[in-house]
C-alpha atoms as a PDB file:
ATOM      1  CA  MET A   1     210.862  28.792  84.529  1.00  0.00           C
ATOM      2  CA  VAL A   2     214.064  30.804  85.094  1.00  0.00           C
ATOM      3  CA  GLU A   3     217.393  28.990  84.852  1.00  0.00           C
ATOM      4  CA  ALA A   4     220.590  30.081  86.560  1.00  0.00           C
ATOM      5  CA  ALA A   5     223.189  31.220  84.057  1.00  0.00           C
ATOM      6  CA  GLY A   6     226.288  29.069  83.926  1.00  0.00           C
ATOM      7  CA  GLY A   7     228.219  29.545  80.608  1.00  0.00           C
ATOM      8  CA  ALA A   8     226.778  29.717  77.142  1.00  0.00           C
ATOM      9  CA  PRO A   9     223.713  27.458  76.762  1.00  0.00           C
ATOM     10  CA  ASP A  10     224.035  24.582  74.326  1.00  0.00           C
ATOM     11  CA  LEU A  11     221.522  25.979  71.863  1.00  0.00           C
ATOM     12  CA  PRO A  12     221.384  26.528  68.091  1.00  0.00           C
ATOM     13  CA  ALA A  13     222.478  29.951  66.873  1.00  0.00           C
ATOM     14  CA  THR A  14     219.743  32.564  66.922  1.00  0.00           C
ATOM     15  CA  GLN A  15     218.277  33.291  63.493  1.00  0.00           C
ATOM     16  CA  LEU A  16     218.476  37.018  62.704  1.00  0.00           C
ATOM     17  CA  GLY A  17     215.163  38.010  61.174  1.00  0.00           C
ATOM     18  CA  TYR A  18     216.248  41.629  60.665  1.00  0.00           C
ATOM     19  CA  PHE A  19     218.949  40.457  58.243  1.00  0.00           C
ATOM     20  CA  ASP A  20     216.234  39.763  55.667  1.00  0.00           C
ATOM     21  CA  ASP A  21     213.598  42.316  56.700  1.00  0.00           C
ATOM     22  CA  MET A  22     214.912  45.430  58.447  1.00  0.00           C
ATOM     23  CA  TRP A  23     211.445  46.976  58.722  1.00  0.00           C
ATOM     24  CA  GLN A  24     209.531  44.175  60.426  1.00  0.00           C
ATOM     25  CA  LEU A  25     208.511  45.296  63.909  1.00  0.00           C
ATOM     26  CA  GLN A  26     206.435  42.307  65.019  1.00  0.00           C
ATOM     27  CA  ALA A  27     207.109  38.578  64.660  1.00  0.00           C
ATOM     28  CA  SER A  28     206.503  35.261  66.389  1.00  0.00           C
ATOM     29  CA  ALA A  29     209.237  33.104  67.929  1.00  0.00           C
ATOM     30  CA  HIS A  30     209.707  30.238  70.360  1.00  0.00           C
ATOM     31  CA  VAL A  31     211.451  30.491  73.710  1.00  0.00           C
ATOM     32  CA  LEU A  32     214.640  28.421  73.972  1.00  0.00           C
ATOM     33  CA  SER A  33     215.907  29.584  77.348  1.00  0.00           C
ATOM     34  CA  VAL A  34     215.144  31.955  80.233  1.00  0.00           C
ATOM     35  CA  LEU A  35     218.340  32.806  82.122  1.00  0.00           C
ATOM     36  CA  GLU A  36     219.054  34.691  85.325  1.00  0.00           C
ATOM     37  CA  GLU A  37     222.200  36.778  84.820  1.00  0.00           C
ATOM     38  CA  SER A  38     222.661  40.331  86.133  1.00  0.00           C
ATOM     39  CA  LYS A  39     219.244  40.710  84.528  1.00  0.00           C
ATOM     40  CA  ILE A  40     216.851  38.116  83.194  1.00  0.00           C
ATOM     41  CA  ALA A  41     217.763  37.108  79.635  1.00  0.00           C
ATOM     42  CA  ILE A  42     215.405  35.529  77.114  1.00  0.00           C
ATOM     43  CA  ILE A  43     216.768  33.497  74.197  1.00  0.00           C
ATOM     44  CA  VAL A  44     214.415  32.685  71.311  1.00  0.00           C
ATOM     45  CA  ASP A  45     214.925  30.746  68.094  1.00  0.00           C
ATOM     46  CA  CYS A  46     214.619  33.784  65.794  1.00  0.00           C
ATOM     47  CA  THR A  47     214.691  37.472  66.653  1.00  0.00           C
ATOM     48  CA  ILE A  48     213.859  40.741  64.924  1.00  0.00           C
ATOM     49  CA  LEU A  49     215.401  42.822  67.745  1.00  0.00           C
ATOM     50  CA  TYR A  50     218.831  44.161  66.858  1.00  0.00           C
ATOM     51  CA  PRO A  51     221.663  43.428  69.345  1.00  0.00           C
ATOM     52  CA  GLN A  52     224.108  46.241  69.991  1.00  0.00           C
ATOM     53  CA  GLY A  53     227.138  46.116  67.709  1.00  0.00           C
ATOM     54  CA  GLY A  54     228.696  47.568  64.592  1.00  0.00           C
ATOM     55  CA  GLY A  55     228.417  51.069  66.024  1.00  0.00           C
ATOM     56  CA  GLN A  56     224.629  50.809  66.423  1.00  0.00           C
ATOM     57  CA  PRO A  57     222.744  50.637  69.741  1.00  0.00           C
ATOM     58  CA  SER A  58     220.399  47.759  70.454  1.00  0.00           C
ATOM     59  CA  ASP A  59     216.683  47.772  69.916  1.00  0.00           C
ATOM     60  CA  LYS A  60     214.238  47.866  72.785  1.00  0.00           C
ATOM     61  CA  GLY A  61     210.767  46.385  72.842  1.00  0.00           C
ATOM     62  CA  PHE A  62     208.643  43.628  74.342  1.00  0.00           C
ATOM     63  CA  ILE A  63     208.190  39.873  74.282  1.00  0.00           C
ATOM     64  CA  LEU A  64     204.591  38.840  74.914  1.00  0.00           C
ATOM     65  CA  SER A  65     202.833  35.542  75.379  1.00  0.00           C
ATOM     66  CA  ILE A  66     200.179  34.750  72.776  1.00  0.00           C
ATOM     67  CA  ASP A  67     197.404  35.498  75.294  1.00  0.00           C
ATOM     68  CA  GLU A  68     199.233  38.756  76.246  1.00  0.00           C
ATOM     69  CA  GLN A  69     199.110  37.831  79.926  1.00  0.00           C
ATOM     70  CA  THR A  70     202.900  37.554  80.252  1.00  0.00           C
ATOM     71  CA  ARG A  71     204.887  40.601  79.193  1.00  0.00           C
ATOM     72  CA  PHE A  72     208.682  40.893  79.193  1.00  0.00           C
ATOM     73  CA  ARG A  73     210.144  44.358  78.666  1.00  0.00           C
ATOM     74  CA  VAL A  74     213.346  44.198  76.583  1.00  0.00           C
ATOM     75  CA  GLU A  75     215.766  46.878  77.801  1.00  0.00           C
ATOM     76  CA  ASP A  76     218.920  45.687  76.031  1.00  0.00           C
ATOM     77  CA  VAL A  77     219.910  43.113  73.404  1.00  0.00           C
ATOM     78  CA  ARG A  78     223.366  41.551  73.063  1.00  0.00           C
ATOM     79  CA  THR A  79     224.917  38.709  71.097  1.00  0.00           C
ATOM     80  CA  ARG A  80     227.419  36.145  72.341  1.00  0.00           C
ATOM     81  CA  ASP A  81     228.644  32.906  70.765  1.00  0.00           C
ATOM     82  CA  GLY A  82     225.947  33.053  68.085  1.00  0.00           C
ATOM     83  CA  LEU A  83     223.108  33.534  70.579  1.00  0.00           C
ATOM     84  CA  VAL A  84     221.072  36.717  71.010  1.00  0.00           C
ATOM     85  CA  TYR A  85     220.237  37.594  74.621  1.00  0.00           C
ATOM     86  CA  HIS A  86     217.199  39.818  75.281  1.00  0.00           C
ATOM     87  CA  TYR A  87     217.772  41.433  78.681  1.00  0.00           C
ATOM     88  CA  GLY A  88     215.032  42.976  80.756  1.00  0.00           C
ATOM     89  CA  PHE A  89     212.308  42.093  83.222  1.00  0.00           C
ATOM     90  CA  PHE A  90     208.845  40.588  83.458  1.00  0.00           C
ATOM     91  CA  GLU A  91     206.144  43.135  84.132  1.00  0.00           C
ATOM     92  CA  ALA A  92     203.445  42.487  86.690  1.00  0.00           C
ATOM     93  CA  SER A  93     200.279  40.957  85.235  1.00  0.00           C
ATOM     94  CA  ASP A  94     196.770  42.357  85.639  1.00  0.00           C
ATOM     95  CA  LEU A  95     196.551  40.203  88.777  1.00  0.00           C
ATOM     96  CA  GLY A  96     199.609  41.924  90.190  1.00  0.00           C
ATOM     97  CA  ASN A  97     201.940  38.930  89.818  1.00  0.00           C
ATOM     98  CA  SER A  98     205.088  38.624  87.741  1.00  0.00           C
ATOM     99  CA  SER A  99     205.310  35.567  85.498  1.00  0.00           C
ATOM    100  CA  THR A 100     207.737  33.841  83.160  1.00  0.00           C
ATOM    101  CA  PHE A 101     207.891  31.893  79.898  1.00  0.00           C
ATOM    102  CA  GLN A 102     208.113  28.144  79.429  1.00  0.00           C
ATOM    103  CA  ILE A 103     210.709  26.516  77.180  1.00  0.00           C
ATOM    104  CA  GLY A 104     209.178  25.968  73.736  1.00  0.00           C
ATOM    105  CA  GLN A 105     206.428  28.511  74.332  1.00  0.00           C
ATOM    106  CA  GLU A 106     205.372  30.611  71.340  1.00  0.00           C
ATOM    107  CA  VAL A 107     205.721  34.348  71.927  1.00  0.00           C
ATOM    108  CA  ILE A 108     205.391  37.581  69.971  1.00  0.00           C
ATOM    109  CA  LEU A 109     208.317  39.987  69.615  1.00  0.00           C
ATOM    110  CA  TYR A 110     207.681  43.724  69.321  1.00  0.00           C
ATOM    111  CA  VAL A 111     210.335  46.283  68.342  1.00  0.00           C
ATOM    112  CA  ASP A 112     210.175  49.872  69.618  1.00  0.00           C
ATOM    113  CA  LYS A 113     209.315  51.591  66.339  1.00  0.00           C
ATOM    114  CA  SER A 114     210.620  55.112  66.956  1.00  0.00           C
ATOM    115  CA  ARG A 115     213.944  53.857  68.347  1.00  0.00           C
ATOM    116  CA  ARG A 116     214.489  51.486  65.402  1.00  0.00           C
ATOM    117  CA  GLN A 117     213.649  54.223  62.889  1.00  0.00           C
ATOM    118  CA  LEU A 118     216.084  56.708  64.431  1.00  0.00           C
ATOM    119  CA  ASN A 119     218.870  54.141  64.769  1.00  0.00           C
ATOM    120  CA  SER A 120     218.373  53.059  61.153  1.00  0.00           C
ATOM    121  CA  ARG A 121     218.443  56.657  59.891  1.00  0.00           C
ATOM    122  CA  LEU A 122     221.638  57.375  61.809  1.00  0.00           C
ATOM    123  CA  HIS A 123     223.347  54.191  60.615  1.00  0.00           C
ATOM    124  CA  THR A 124     222.492  54.785  56.954  1.00  0.00           C
ATOM    125  CA  ALA A 125     223.567  58.413  57.343  1.00  0.00           C
ATOM    126  CA  GLY A 126     226.977  57.217  58.538  1.00  0.00           C
ATOM    127  CA  HIS A 127     227.313  55.059  55.421  1.00  0.00           C
ATOM    128  CA  LEU A 128     226.237  58.015  53.299  1.00  0.00           C
ATOM    129  CA  ILE A 129     229.050  60.109  54.781  1.00  0.00           C
ATOM    130  CA  ASP A 130     231.446  57.447  53.448  1.00  0.00           C
ATOM    131  CA  VAL A 131     229.990  57.943  49.958  1.00  0.00           C
ATOM    132  CA  CYS A 132     230.221  61.717  50.260  1.00  0.00           C
ATOM    133  CA  ILE A 133     233.862  61.552  51.371  1.00  0.00           C
ATOM    134  CA  GLU A 134     234.630  59.943  48.012  1.00  0.00           C
ATOM    135  CA  ASN A 135     232.402  62.326  46.066  1.00  0.00           C
ATOM    136  CA  ILE A 136     234.023  65.523  47.356  1.00  0.00           C
ATOM    137  CA  GLY A 137     237.565  64.351  46.613  1.00  0.00           C
ATOM    138  CA  LEU A 138     238.691  62.939  49.962  1.00  0.00           C
ATOM    139  CA  SER A 139     239.196  59.365  48.762  1.00  0.00           C
ATOM    140  CA  SER A 140     242.612  59.276  50.459  1.00  0.00           C
ATOM    141  CA  LEU A 141     240.793  58.987  53.802  1.00  0.00           C
ATOM    142  CA  GLN A 142     240.331  55.358  54.820  1.00  0.00           C
ATOM    143  CA  PRO A 143     237.127  54.430  56.697  1.00  0.00           C
ATOM    144  CA  GLY A 144     237.625  53.467  60.331  1.00  0.00           C
ATOM    145  CA  LYS A 145     235.077  53.144  63.088  1.00  0.00           C
ATOM    146  CA  GLY A 146     231.561  54.529  63.206  1.00  0.00           C
ATOM    147  CA  HIS A 147     229.415  55.535  66.178  1.00  0.00           C
ATOM    148  CA  HIS A 148     225.790  55.714  65.062  1.00  0.00           C
ATOM    149  CA  PHE A 149     224.254  56.430  68.466  1.00  0.00           C
ATOM    150  CA  PRO A 150     221.851  59.362  68.968  1.00  0.00           C
ATOM    151  CA  ASP A 151     224.207  60.911  71.536  1.00  0.00           C
ATOM    152  CA  GLY A 152     226.850  62.263  69.183  1.00  0.00           C
ATOM    153  CA  PRO A 153     227.061  60.149  66.021  1.00  0.00           C
ATOM    154  CA  PHE A 154     230.315  60.261  64.074  1.00  0.00           C
ATOM    155  CA  VAL A 155     232.439  58.401  61.555  1.00  0.00           C
ATOM    156  CA  GLU A 156     236.209  58.298  61.742  1.00  0.00           C
ATOM    157  CA  TYR A 157     238.836  57.964  59.014  1.00  0.00           C
ATOM    158  CA  LYS A 158     242.552  57.268  58.834  1.00  0.00           C
ATOM    159  CA  GLY A 159     244.186  60.299  57.294  1.00  0.00           C
ATOM    160  CA  ALA A 160     244.041  64.036  57.857  1.00  0.00           C
ATOM    161  CA  VAL A 161     242.241  66.977  56.291  1.00  0.00           C
ATOM    162  CA  PRO A 162     244.471  70.101  56.220  1.00  0.00           C
ATOM    163  CA  ALA A 163     243.420  72.583  58.896  1.00  0.00           C
ATOM    164  CA  SER A 164     242.863  75.307  56.297  1.00  0.00           C
ATOM    165  CA  ASP A 165     240.357  73.086  54.446  1.00  0.00           C
ATOM    166  CA  ILE A 166     238.307  71.800  57.375  1.00  0.00           C
ATOM    167  CA  GLU A 167     235.428  74.291  57.214  1.00  0.00           C
ATOM    168  CA  SER A 168     235.081  74.167  53.449  1.00  0.00           C
ATOM    169  CA  ARG A 169     235.158  70.350  53.507  1.00  0.00           C
ATOM    170  CA  ARG A 170     232.555  70.295  56.291  1.00  0.00           C
ATOM    171  CA  ALA A 171     230.216  72.486  54.246  1.00  0.00           C
ATOM    172  CA  ALA A 172     230.860  70.423  51.108  1.00  0.00           C
ATOM    173  CA  LEU A 173     230.127  67.164  52.961  1.00  0.00           C
ATOM    174  CA  GLU A 174     226.846  68.499  54.317  1.00  0.00           C
ATOM    175  CA  ALA A 175     225.771  69.842  50.923  1.00  0.00           C
ATOM    176  CA  GLU A 176     226.637  66.578  49.155  1.00  0.00           C
ATOM    177  CA  ALA A 177     224.855  64.475  51.804  1.00  0.00           C
ATOM    178  CA  ASN A 178     221.669  66.503  51.475  1.00  0.00           C
ATOM    179  CA  ARG A 179     221.900  66.420  47.678  1.00  0.00           C
ATOM    180  CA  LEU A 180     221.995  62.622  47.777  1.00  0.00           C
ATOM    181  CA  VAL A 181     219.151  62.493  50.322  1.00  0.00           C
ATOM    182  CA  ALA A 182     217.019  64.695  48.064  1.00  0.00           C
ATOM    183  CA  ALA A 183     217.810  62.509  45.036  1.00  0.00           C
ATOM    184  CA  GLY A 184     216.996  59.284  46.900  1.00  0.00           C
ATOM    185  CA  GLY A 185     218.143  55.769  46.073  1.00  0.00           C
ATOM    186  CA  THR A 186     217.490  52.229  47.227  1.00  0.00           C
ATOM    187  CA  VAL A 187     219.342  50.831  50.229  1.00  0.00           C
ATOM    188  CA  GLN A 188     219.963  47.108  49.787  1.00  0.00           C
ATOM    189  CA  ALA A 189     221.254  44.421  52.145  1.00  0.00           C
ATOM    190  CA  ALA A 190     222.181  40.925  51.001  1.00  0.00           C
ATOM    191  CA  VAL A 191     224.026  37.929  52.435  1.00  0.00           C
ATOM    192  CA  CYS A 192     226.459  36.866  49.711  1.00  0.00           C
ATOM    193  CA  SER A 193     229.209  34.445  48.891  1.00  0.00           C
ATOM    194  CA  TYR A 194     232.691  35.855  49.429  1.00  0.00           C
ATOM    195  CA  GLU A 195     233.196  36.432  45.695  1.00  0.00           C
ATOM    196  CA  GLU A 196     229.862  38.190  45.206  1.00  0.00           C
ATOM    197  CA  ALA A 197     230.467  40.272  48.314  1.00  0.00           C
ATOM    198  CA  ARG A 198     233.861  41.331  46.998  1.00  0.00           C
ATOM    199  CA  ASN A 199     232.286  42.406  43.707  1.00  0.00           C
ATOM    200  CA  ARG A 200     229.576  44.375  45.521  1.00  0.00           C
ATOM    201  CA  CYS A 201     232.306  46.142  47.500  1.00  0.00           C
ATOM    202  CA  GLY A 202     234.325  47.249  44.481  1.00  0.00           C
ATOM    203  CA  GLY A 203     236.724  44.313  44.252  1.00  0.00           C
ATOM    204  CA  GLN A 204     238.045  44.093  47.800  1.00  0.00           C
ATOM    205  CA  LEU A 205     236.899  43.201  51.297  1.00  0.00           C
ATOM    206  CA  PRO A 206     238.411  43.995  54.700  1.00  0.00           C
ATOM    207  CA  ASP A 207     240.924  41.460  55.996  1.00  0.00           C
ATOM    208  CA  TYR A 208     238.635  40.453  58.874  1.00  0.00           C
ATOM    209  CA  ILE A 209     236.139  38.902  56.408  1.00  0.00           C
ATOM    210  CA  ALA A 210     237.000  35.189  56.150  1.00  0.00           C
ATOM    211  CA  LYS A 211     237.148  33.784  52.625  1.00  0.00           C
ATOM    212  CA  ASP A 212     234.872  30.883  53.563  1.00  0.00           C
ATOM    213  CA  SER A 213     232.238  33.191  55.062  1.00  0.00           C
ATOM    214  CA  LYS A 214     229.044  34.657  53.643  1.00  0.00           C
ATOM    215  CA  PRO A 215     229.135  38.329  54.624  1.00  0.00           C
ATOM    216  CA  ARG A 216     226.140  40.642  54.616  1.00  0.00           C
ATOM    217  CA  ILE A 217     226.718  43.605  52.305  1.00  0.00           C
ATOM    218  CA  VAL A 218     224.825  46.891  52.496  1.00  0.00           C
ATOM    219  CA  SER A 219     224.776  49.108  49.403  1.00  0.00           C
ATOM    220  CA  ILE A 220     223.680  52.739  49.365  1.00  0.00           C
ATOM    221  CA  GLY A 221     222.143  53.749  46.047  1.00  0.00           C
ATOM    222  CA  SER A 222     224.469  53.016  43.128  1.00  0.00           C
ATOM    223  CA  SER A 223     227.627  53.191  45.259  1.00  0.00           C
ATOM    224  CA  PHE A 224     229.749  50.190  46.173  1.00  0.00           C
ATOM    225  CA  GLY A 225     228.663  48.407  49.323  1.00  0.00           C
ATOM    226  CA  CYS A 226     230.438  47.399  52.510  1.00  0.00           C
ATOM    227  CA  PRO A 227     230.065  44.620  55.106  1.00  0.00           C
ATOM    228  CA  CYS A 228     227.443  45.561  57.693  1.00  0.00           C
ATOM    229  CA  GLY A 229     225.136  43.713  60.067  1.00  0.00           C
ATOM    230  CA  GLY A 230     223.019  46.696  61.084  1.00  0.00           C
ATOM    231  CA  THR A 231     219.577  48.029  60.226  1.00  0.00           C
ATOM    232  CA  HIS A 232     219.002  50.723  57.621  1.00  0.00           C
ATOM    233  CA  VAL A 233     216.310  52.771  55.949  1.00  0.00           C
ATOM    234  CA  LYS A 234     214.702  51.527  52.752  1.00  0.00           C
ATOM    235  CA  ASP A 235     215.636  54.559  50.660  1.00  0.00           C
ATOM    236  CA  ILE A 236     218.289  57.252  51.075  1.00  0.00           C
ATOM    237  CA  SER A 237     215.537  59.899  51.129  1.00  0.00           C
ATOM    238  CA  GLU A 238     214.275  58.450  54.429  1.00  0.00           C
ATOM    239  CA  ILE A 239     217.405  59.687  56.215  1.00  0.00           C
ATOM    240  CA  GLY A 240     215.900  63.168  56.080  1.00  0.00           C
ATOM    241  CA  SER A 241     217.954  66.349  56.307  1.00  0.00           C
ATOM    242  CA  MET A 242     221.486  65.932  57.638  1.00  0.00           C
ATOM    243  CA  LYS A 243     223.841  68.223  59.514  1.00  0.00           C
ATOM    244  CA  VAL A 244     227.598  67.771  59.439  1.00  0.00           C
ATOM    245  CA  SER A 245     228.399  69.678  62.590  1.00  0.00           C
ATOM    246  CA  GLN A 246     232.146  69.295  62.869  1.00  0.00           C
ATOM    247  CA  ILE A 247     235.332  67.847  61.407  1.00  0.00           C
ATOM    248  CA  ARG A 248     238.173  67.279  63.847  1.00  0.00           C
ATOM    249  CA  VAL A 249     241.674  66.054  63.039  1.00  0.00           C
ATOM    250  CA  LYS A 250     243.834  64.522  65.759  1.00  0.00           C
ATOM    251  CA  LYS A 251     246.831  62.195  65.607  1.00  0.00           C
ATOM    252  CA  GLY A 252     246.338  61.401  61.936  1.00  0.00           C
ATOM    253  CA  LEU A 253     242.609  60.638  62.280  1.00  0.00           C
ATOM    254  CA  THR A 254     239.713  62.641  60.877  1.00  0.00           C
ATOM    255  CA  LYS A 255     236.457  62.540  62.853  1.00  0.00           C
ATOM    256  CA  VAL A 256     233.275  63.688  61.122  1.00  0.00           C
ATOM    257  CA  SER A 257     230.389  64.446  63.488  1.00  0.00           C
ATOM    258  CA  TYR A 258     226.909  64.464  61.996  1.00  0.00           C
ATOM    259  CA  ASN A 259     223.236  64.221  62.866  1.00  0.00           C
ATOM    260  CA  VAL A 260     219.808  63.845  61.277  1.00  0.00           C
ATOM    261  CA  LEU A 261     216.917  66.261  61.714  1.00  0.00           C
ATOM    262  CA  PRO A 262     213.383  65.271  62.791  1.00  0.00           C
ATOM    263  CA  PHE A 263     211.583  63.456  60.006  1.00  0.00           C
ATOM    264  CA  GLU A 264     208.084  62.060  59.412  1.00  0.00           C
ATOM    265  CA  TYR A 265     208.683  58.451  58.497  1.00  0.00           C
ATOM    266  CA  PRO A 266     206.940  56.629  55.579  1.00  0.00           C
ATOM    267  CA  MET A 267     204.402  53.954  56.383  1.00  0.00           C
ATOM    268  CA  HIS A 268     206.271  50.876  55.084  1.00  0.00           C
ATOM    269  CA  PHE A 269     207.560  49.964  58.556  1.00  0.00           C
ATOM    270  CA  GLU A 270     205.452  46.947  59.519  1.00  0.00           C
ATOM    271  CA  ASN A 271     203.499  47.343  62.754  1.00  0.00           C
END
């Protein structure tokens, strides 16, 4: 049953399973709505597929019926008004016919493993650059936006690195990042009260975090954390080797471009 989209459905907010377990790649859920927008959108009660946001691209994957006769390919995931929309299309069945899901039907969600792993490595690597900026004496730079997409990841800071120091700072950043990767360290994510979150972040939170909220804080090793809703690796070592390819300064902003090299991932991702 496909419903025509008309405004936001009157449904409970989607539970975000990846908040608690960033390495779960398969989970059951129940269908709450099947909408016809520019593409078909599936809304379930709880999802493990990450919706694009926070500088990280969305997951891709599948939603399957329990008997595996109905298969929905998830091409994009977005969030709006507390609901997570899984956009894509129904694939033809073995009989050659497309199908749909029924409201309340139990389904199985599958996350594209290689895409999730790469996105998680790139996102954690961006956070690690923040740590390295402090470690090499550039604490005057204030973190701005991050773009943790495979096509040109970067992090941006308010403040400028002198032109004469750019190459030496680039080399120092890369060396420090790879030193920390080699040393390893646990990556933790926790939903906290405002006070606990502030403590985890070194005594202050960004102004956009409401005092009556419960932000999710991601901490890299022993460093102070920061608010983040994305997915990350389990240990810093799982980032693998990093390259800091360029530092550019323009109009008072410093842009650090980086990437991660191919890496054989540990087995703790749950199939």
